Amino acid sequence: MSAMTPLVPSPAAQITGRRSTADRVFAAIALVAGFSVLAILVLIAYSTTREAWPIFREKPAEFLFSRRWAPADGHYGALSFVYGTVVTSIVALVFAVPVSVGVALFVTELAPSWLRKPVVYVMDILAVIPSVVFGLWGILVLAKPAATVYQQVSSALDGIPVVGRLFAGPVSGSSFFTAGVILAIMIVPIISSLTREVFSTVPQHEKEAALALGATRWEMIRGAVFPHGKGGMVGAITLGLGRAMGETIAVALVIGSSAQITARLFATGDSLPAVIANEFGEASGLKRSALIGCGVVLFALTIVVNLSATAIVQRSIRRTRGS
């Protein structure tokens, strides 16, 4: 009886085995990468909260709900800094979102091919300029003429209910409004670049169908481009908002460093990142814990903003699929 010939795996089986091993290795690497991001986030939250725990343990109510920041007298109220962060971010979005969406629409829908690349290059260059450059430009170039313009606007709107109070004097070149304008300039490249990418994914046949039915260009944008890109636009705006809320040096140079809560946009103020940058170098004891606590509060604000934006995006996606 002859010996049996050993079975040799076919080339196809060998390739399949190698692919299966590669898929498992890739899945493991991706899993580790995903969990490492989550682990880093948890470690940051844990370490900063631990360092800030003295202020949360000794004066939690004063720290979170008081506006008075006077370390020399033992008062550490961060509410005015939270207010300044929110106000400057809102001002930045009011200016940046229309400009960013307009730039994205111009590049994707209106600009001739020879002009699109230069506009994109300019936006990319603006995105990589260091924030300190914007801050220096704001305090050295923008602040003085801005104060003159603020005074004229304040005088023109004086006496008008609500609006007059928002722009009432006395005015300062270093103010909430100036910080918001600087932040708007900084986040326009981020929002416009991401929004442009979202608009470029709109199927061409949907836009052509709208135009074929007699829609104007604006009606086509409103009926085809905006519904398709709503989720991406919200994501882009959220990233811009996160950049605005966390910006430090530029805001510290132009906001005025005055811990106060006021409805006057032309008044000086302060923000969470700015006060950390300005005072952390010489801080110790409970003041150091309070400044780290400001970082924890800022971290929590950004998490809330991102979770809210994620919920909005998911709801938009469900509505789009349903329609």
Protein backbone atom coordinates (compact mmCIF):
# COMPACT_ATOMS: atom_id res chain seq x y z
CA MET A 1 0.00 0.00 0.00
CA SER A 2 1.53 3.27 -1.13
CA ALA A 3 2.09 6.11 1.33
CA MET A 4 -0.48 8.88 1.23
CA THR A 5 0.60 12.14 -0.37
CA PRO A 6 0.45 15.03 2.17
CA LEU A 7 -2.09 17.73 1.43
CA VAL A 8 -0.54 21.07 0.48
CA PRO A 9 -2.70 24.19 1.05
CA SER A 10 -3.66 25.87 -2.18
CA PRO A 11 -2.36 29.39 -2.92
CA ALA A 12 -5.90 30.74 -2.49
CA ALA A 13 -6.13 29.25 1.01
CA GLN A 14 -2.73 30.71 1.93
CA ILE A 15 -3.82 34.16 0.74
CA THR A 16 -7.07 33.86 2.67
CA GLY A 17 -5.17 32.89 5.82
CA ARG A 18 -2.80 35.82 5.48
CA ARG A 19 -5.73 38.17 4.93
CA SER A 20 -7.50 36.81 7.99
CA THR A 21 -4.38 37.36 10.13
CA ALA A 22 -3.91 40.87 8.76
CA ASP A 23 -7.56 41.71 9.44
CA ARG A 24 -7.24 40.53 13.04
CA VAL A 25 -4.03 42.54 13.55
CA PHE A 26 -5.63 45.64 12.03
CA ALA A 27 -8.75 45.23 14.18
CA ALA A 28 -6.60 44.91 17.31
CA ILE A 29 -4.56 48.02 16.41
CA ALA A 30 -7.72 50.03 15.69
CA LEU A 31 -9.29 48.86 18.97
CA VAL A 32 -6.20 49.84 20.96
CA ALA A 33 -6.08 53.23 19.21
CA GLY A 34 -9.74 53.89 19.93
CA PHE A 35 -9.49 52.94 23.59
CA SER A 36 -6.24 54.87 23.99
CA VAL A 37 -8.03 58.09 23.01
CA LEU A 38 -10.73 57.36 25.58
CA ALA A 39 -8.11 56.47 28.19
CA ILE A 40 -6.20 59.71 27.59
CA LEU A 41 -9.43 61.68 27.93
CA VAL A 42 -10.26 59.97 31.22
CA LEU A 43 -6.72 60.48 32.54
CA ILE A 44 -6.80 64.19 31.69
CA ALA A 45 -10.14 64.59 33.43
CA TYR A 46 -8.96 62.63 36.46
CA SER A 47 -5.59 64.36 36.89
CA THR A 48 -6.95 67.90 36.48
CA THR A 49 -9.90 67.21 38.77
CA ARG A 50 -7.56 65.78 41.41
CA GLU A 51 -5.36 68.88 41.27
CA ALA A 52 -8.40 71.15 41.45
CA TRP A 53 -10.10 69.17 44.21
CA PRO A 54 -9.09 71.54 47.06
CA ILE A 55 -11.16 74.40 45.59
CA PHE A 56 -14.11 72.08 44.88
CA ARG A 57 -13.89 70.71 48.43
CA GLU A 58 -13.49 73.98 50.31
CA LYS A 59 -15.43 76.54 48.25
CA PRO A 60 -17.53 74.79 45.60
CA ALA A 61 -20.47 77.21 45.63
CA GLU A 62 -18.32 80.32 45.61
CA PHE A 63 -16.10 78.97 42.84
CA LEU A 64 -18.93 77.97 40.52
CA PHE A 65 -21.52 80.66 41.22
CA SER A 66 -19.64 83.75 42.39
CA ARG A 67 -18.30 86.45 40.11
CA ARG A 68 -15.73 87.85 42.53
CA TRP A 69 -12.12 86.88 41.77
CA ALA A 70 -9.85 88.35 44.45
CA PRO A 71 -7.13 85.85 45.43
CA ALA A 72 -5.55 88.37 47.82
CA ASP A 73 -8.78 88.31 49.87
CA GLY A 74 -9.34 84.59 49.47
CA HIS A 75 -12.20 84.86 46.95
CA TYR A 76 -12.15 82.59 43.91
CA GLY A 77 -15.29 83.03 41.83
CA ALA A 78 -15.01 81.72 38.28
CA LEU A 79 -18.46 82.71 37.02
CA SER A 80 -17.21 85.88 35.33
CA PHE A 81 -14.63 83.85 33.41
CA VAL A 82 -17.27 81.39 32.25
CA TYR A 83 -19.37 84.34 31.14
CA GLY A 84 -16.47 85.87 29.21
CA THR A 85 -15.72 82.56 27.49
CA VAL A 86 -19.33 82.13 26.40
CA VAL A 87 -19.77 85.75 25.25
CA THR A 88 -16.58 85.90 23.18
CA SER A 89 -17.39 82.53 21.60
CA ILE A 90 -20.91 83.67 20.66
CA VAL A 91 -19.57 86.90 19.15
CA ALA A 92 -17.04 84.85 17.18
CA LEU A 93 -19.73 82.53 15.81
CA VAL A 94 -22.00 85.43 14.84
CA PHE A 95 -19.26 86.79 12.60
CA ALA A 96 -17.54 83.58 11.52
CA VAL A 97 -20.43 81.31 10.53
CA PRO A 98 -21.95 83.50 7.75
CA VAL A 99 -18.50 84.30 6.35
CA SER A 100 -17.40 80.65 6.48
CA VAL A 101 -20.56 79.34 4.81
CA GLY A 102 -20.29 82.08 2.20
CA VAL A 103 -16.68 81.17 1.44
CA ALA A 104 -17.58 77.48 1.20
CA LEU A 105 -20.47 78.20 -1.18
CA PHE A 106 -18.32 80.50 -3.27
CA VAL A 107 -15.59 77.89 -3.67
CA THR A 108 -17.93 74.98 -4.42
CA GLU A 109 -20.72 76.66 -6.39
CA LEU A 110 -19.69 80.04 -7.79
CA ALA A 111 -15.94 80.51 -8.17
CA PRO A 112 -14.33 79.78 -11.53
CA SER A 113 -11.82 76.94 -11.54
CA TRP A 114 -8.82 79.27 -11.77
CA LEU A 115 -9.88 81.10 -8.58
CA ARG A 116 -10.77 78.15 -6.38
CA LYS A 117 -7.24 77.00 -5.55
CA PRO A 118 -5.97 80.47 -4.52
CA VAL A 119 -8.94 80.92 -2.17
CA VAL A 120 -8.35 77.50 -0.64
CA TYR A 121 -4.64 78.26 -0.22
CA VAL A 122 -5.41 81.53 1.56
CA MET A 123 -7.78 79.75 3.95
CA ASP A 124 -5.18 77.08 4.66
CA ILE A 125 -2.53 79.72 5.37
CA LEU A 126 -4.84 81.54 7.78
CA ALA A 127 -5.48 78.27 9.61
CA VAL A 128 -1.78 77.73 10.42
CA ILE A 129 -0.93 81.25 11.59
CA PRO A 130 0.02 81.09 15.31
CA SER A 131 -2.59 82.50 17.65
CA VAL A 132 -0.09 84.86 19.26
CA VAL A 133 0.26 86.63 15.92
CA PHE A 134 -3.47 87.30 15.85
CA GLY A 135 -3.31 88.51 19.43
CA LEU A 136 -0.42 90.88 18.78
CA TRP A 137 -2.14 92.22 15.68
CA GLY A 138 -5.29 92.74 17.70
CA ILE A 139 -3.66 94.65 20.54
CA LEU A 140 -1.17 96.64 18.43
CA VAL A 141 -3.21 97.40 15.31
CA LEU A 142 -6.90 96.74 15.89
CA ALA A 143 -7.55 97.89 19.46
CA LYS A 144 -6.98 101.64 19.04
CA PRO A 145 -9.09 102.23 15.89
CA ALA A 146 -11.66 99.78 17.24
CA ALA A 147 -12.16 101.95 20.32
CA THR A 148 -13.00 104.91 18.06
CA VAL A 149 -15.50 102.84 16.09
CA TYR A 150 -16.99 101.46 19.30
CA GLN A 151 -17.54 104.97 20.61
CA GLN A 152 -19.34 105.99 17.42
CA VAL A 153 -21.52 102.89 17.50
CA SER A 154 -22.29 103.41 21.18
CA SER A 155 -23.32 107.01 20.58
CA ALA A 156 -25.48 106.08 17.58
CA LEU A 157 -27.32 103.32 19.44
CA ASP A 158 -27.68 105.16 22.74
CA GLY A 159 -31.25 105.12 24.00
CA ILE A 160 -32.41 102.12 21.95
CA PRO A 161 -33.83 99.42 24.25
CA VAL A 162 -31.75 96.26 24.66
CA VAL A 163 -29.43 97.03 21.72
CA GLY A 164 -28.33 100.30 23.26
CA ARG A 165 -27.44 98.49 26.48
CA LEU A 166 -25.39 95.88 24.64
CA PHE A 167 -23.24 98.54 23.00
CA ALA A 168 -23.29 101.15 25.75
CA GLY A 169 -20.16 102.93 26.97
CA PRO A 170 -17.67 103.45 28.37
CA VAL A 171 -15.88 101.56 25.62
CA SER A 172 -12.45 99.98 25.44
CA GLY A 173 -10.35 98.71 22.55
CA SER A 174 -9.55 95.64 24.63
CA SER A 175 -12.98 94.13 25.20
CA PHE A 176 -15.30 91.17 24.79
CA PHE A 177 -16.13 92.35 21.29
CA THR A 178 -12.52 92.70 20.17
CA ALA A 179 -11.72 89.24 21.50
CA GLY A 180 -14.75 87.87 19.64
CA VAL A 181 -13.63 89.48 16.38
CA ILE A 182 -10.13 88.02 16.73
CA LEU A 183 -11.60 84.60 17.46
CA ALA A 184 -13.88 84.92 14.43
CA ILE A 185 -10.89 85.54 12.17
CA MET A 186 -9.15 82.52 13.66
CA ILE A 187 -12.01 80.05 13.27
CA VAL A 188 -13.18 81.11 9.80
CA PRO A 189 -10.57 78.89 8.06
CA ILE A 190 -11.58 75.87 10.16
CA ILE A 191 -15.32 76.19 9.58
CA SER A 192 -15.00 77.15 5.91
CA SER A 193 -12.61 74.28 5.10
CA LEU A 194 -14.82 71.64 6.70
CA THR A 195 -18.01 73.12 5.28
CA ARG A 196 -16.44 73.23 1.83
CA GLU A 197 -15.64 69.53 2.05
CA VAL A 198 -19.21 68.80 3.11
CA PHE A 199 -20.72 70.83 0.26
CA SER A 200 -18.44 69.11 -2.25
CA THR A 201 -20.03 65.74 -1.35
CA VAL A 202 -23.51 66.81 -2.45
CA PRO A 203 -24.47 64.54 -5.40
CA GLN A 204 -24.25 66.45 -8.66
CA HIS A 205 -27.45 64.89 -9.99
CA GLU A 206 -29.46 66.39 -7.11
CA LYS A 207 -28.24 69.89 -7.93
CA GLU A 208 -28.81 69.38 -11.64
CA ALA A 209 -32.31 68.05 -10.97
CA ALA A 210 -33.21 71.14 -8.97
CA LEU A 211 -31.91 73.43 -11.70
CA ALA A 212 -33.73 71.41 -14.38
CA LEU A 213 -37.00 71.92 -12.52
CA GLY A 214 -36.57 75.67 -12.82
CA ALA A 215 -35.00 76.47 -9.46
CA THR A 216 -32.69 79.44 -9.22
CA ARG A 217 -29.15 78.91 -7.99
CA TRP A 218 -30.09 80.06 -4.48
CA GLU A 219 -33.16 77.80 -4.45
CA MET A 220 -30.95 74.91 -5.54
CA ILE A 221 -28.52 75.66 -2.68
CA ARG A 222 -31.35 75.97 -0.18
CA GLY A 223 -33.15 72.84 -1.36
CA ALA A 224 -30.27 70.51 -2.23
CA VAL A 225 -26.99 71.68 -0.72
CA PHE A 226 -28.06 72.82 2.74
CA PRO A 227 -30.24 69.78 3.62
CA HIS A 228 -27.51 67.38 2.51
CA GLY A 229 -24.79 69.21 4.40
CA LYS A 230 -26.64 70.23 7.57
CA GLY A 231 -24.99 67.62 9.76
CA GLY A 232 -21.53 68.42 8.46
CA MET A 233 -22.11 72.14 8.90
CA VAL A 234 -23.08 71.60 12.54
CA GLY A 235 -19.94 69.54 13.05
CA ALA A 236 -17.77 72.22 11.46
CA ILE A 237 -19.35 74.96 13.57
CA THR A 238 -18.84 72.84 16.69
CA LEU A 239 -15.13 72.43 15.95
CA GLY A 240 -14.86 76.17 15.42
CA LEU A 241 -16.69 76.80 18.67
CA GLY A 242 -14.33 74.46 20.50
CA ARG A 243 -11.36 76.37 19.10
CA ALA A 244 -12.92 79.67 20.14
CA MET A 245 -13.70 78.49 23.67
CA GLY A 246 -10.22 77.10 24.23
CA GLU A 247 -8.14 79.86 22.63
CA THR A 248 -5.73 81.34 25.15
CA ILE A 249 -2.98 83.73 24.09
CA ALA A 250 -4.89 85.75 21.50
CA VAL A 251 -7.80 86.29 23.87
CA ALA A 252 -5.54 87.07 26.82
CA LEU A 253 -3.94 89.90 24.83
CA VAL A 254 -7.14 91.62 23.68
CA ILE A 255 -9.89 90.95 26.21
CA GLY A 256 -8.74 93.39 28.90
CA SER A 257 -8.24 91.00 31.87
CA SER A 258 -11.11 92.35 33.98
CA ALA A 259 -13.21 89.83 35.92
CA GLN A 260 -16.73 91.16 35.51
CA ILE A 261 -20.15 90.18 34.21
CA THR A 262 -21.73 92.92 32.16
CA ALA A 263 -24.06 93.18 29.20
CA ARG A 264 -21.78 95.76 27.55
CA LEU A 265 -19.90 94.05 24.72
CA PHE A 266 -17.45 96.95 24.42
CA ALA A 267 -16.32 96.57 28.04
CA THR A 268 -13.23 94.75 29.26
CA GLY A 269 -13.57 91.21 30.55
CA ASP A 270 -11.78 87.90 30.97
CA SER A 271 -12.18 84.25 30.04
CA LEU A 272 -11.24 80.86 31.43
CA PRO A 273 -8.20 80.20 29.20
CA ALA A 274 -6.99 83.79 29.48
CA VAL A 275 -7.00 83.91 33.28
CA ILE A 276 -5.15 80.59 33.42
CA ALA A 277 -2.46 81.88 31.07
CA ASN A 278 -2.10 85.20 32.86
CA GLU A 279 -1.99 84.01 36.47
CA PHE A 280 -0.89 80.38 36.59
CA GLY A 281 2.84 81.13 36.52
CA GLU A 282 2.81 82.78 39.96
CA ALA A 283 -0.03 80.78 41.52
CA SER A 284 0.26 78.48 44.49
CA GLY A 285 -1.96 76.84 47.06
CA LEU A 286 -5.68 77.37 46.73
CA LYS A 287 -5.25 79.86 43.87
CA ARG A 288 -3.44 77.21 41.84
CA SER A 289 -6.27 74.77 42.53
CA ALA A 290 -8.80 77.41 41.48
CA LEU A 291 -7.00 78.03 38.19
CA ILE A 292 -6.84 74.31 37.49
CA GLY A 293 -10.52 74.22 38.41
CA CYS A 294 -11.11 76.80 35.67
CA GLY A 295 -9.53 74.31 33.28
CA VAL A 296 -11.85 71.59 34.54
CA VAL A 297 -14.87 73.83 34.00
CA LEU A 298 -13.66 74.64 30.48
CA PHE A 299 -13.16 70.94 29.81
CA ALA A 300 -16.72 70.23 30.97
CA LEU A 301 -18.10 73.03 28.79
CA THR A 302 -16.40 71.65 25.69
CA ILE A 303 -17.71 68.16 26.44
CA VAL A 304 -21.26 69.50 26.79
CA VAL A 305 -20.96 71.46 23.54
CA ASN A 306 -19.64 68.44 21.64
CA LEU A 307 -22.31 66.12 23.01
CA SER A 308 -25.02 68.62 22.08
CA ALA A 309 -23.60 68.97 18.57
CA THR A 310 -23.43 65.19 18.19
CA ALA A 311 -27.08 64.91 19.16
CA ILE A 312 -28.02 67.58 16.61
CA VAL A 313 -26.02 65.86 13.87
CA GLN A 314 -27.55 62.46 14.61
CA ARG A 315 -31.06 63.89 14.57
CA SER A 316 -30.33 65.61 11.26
CA ILE A 317 -29.07 62.34 9.78
CA ARG A 318 -32.20 60.50 10.92
CA ARG A 319 -34.44 63.16 9.39
CA THR A 320 -32.50 63.04 6.13
CA ARG A 321 -32.80 59.26 5.94
CA GLY A 322 -36.49 59.43 6.81
CA SER A 323 -37.19 61.92 4.05
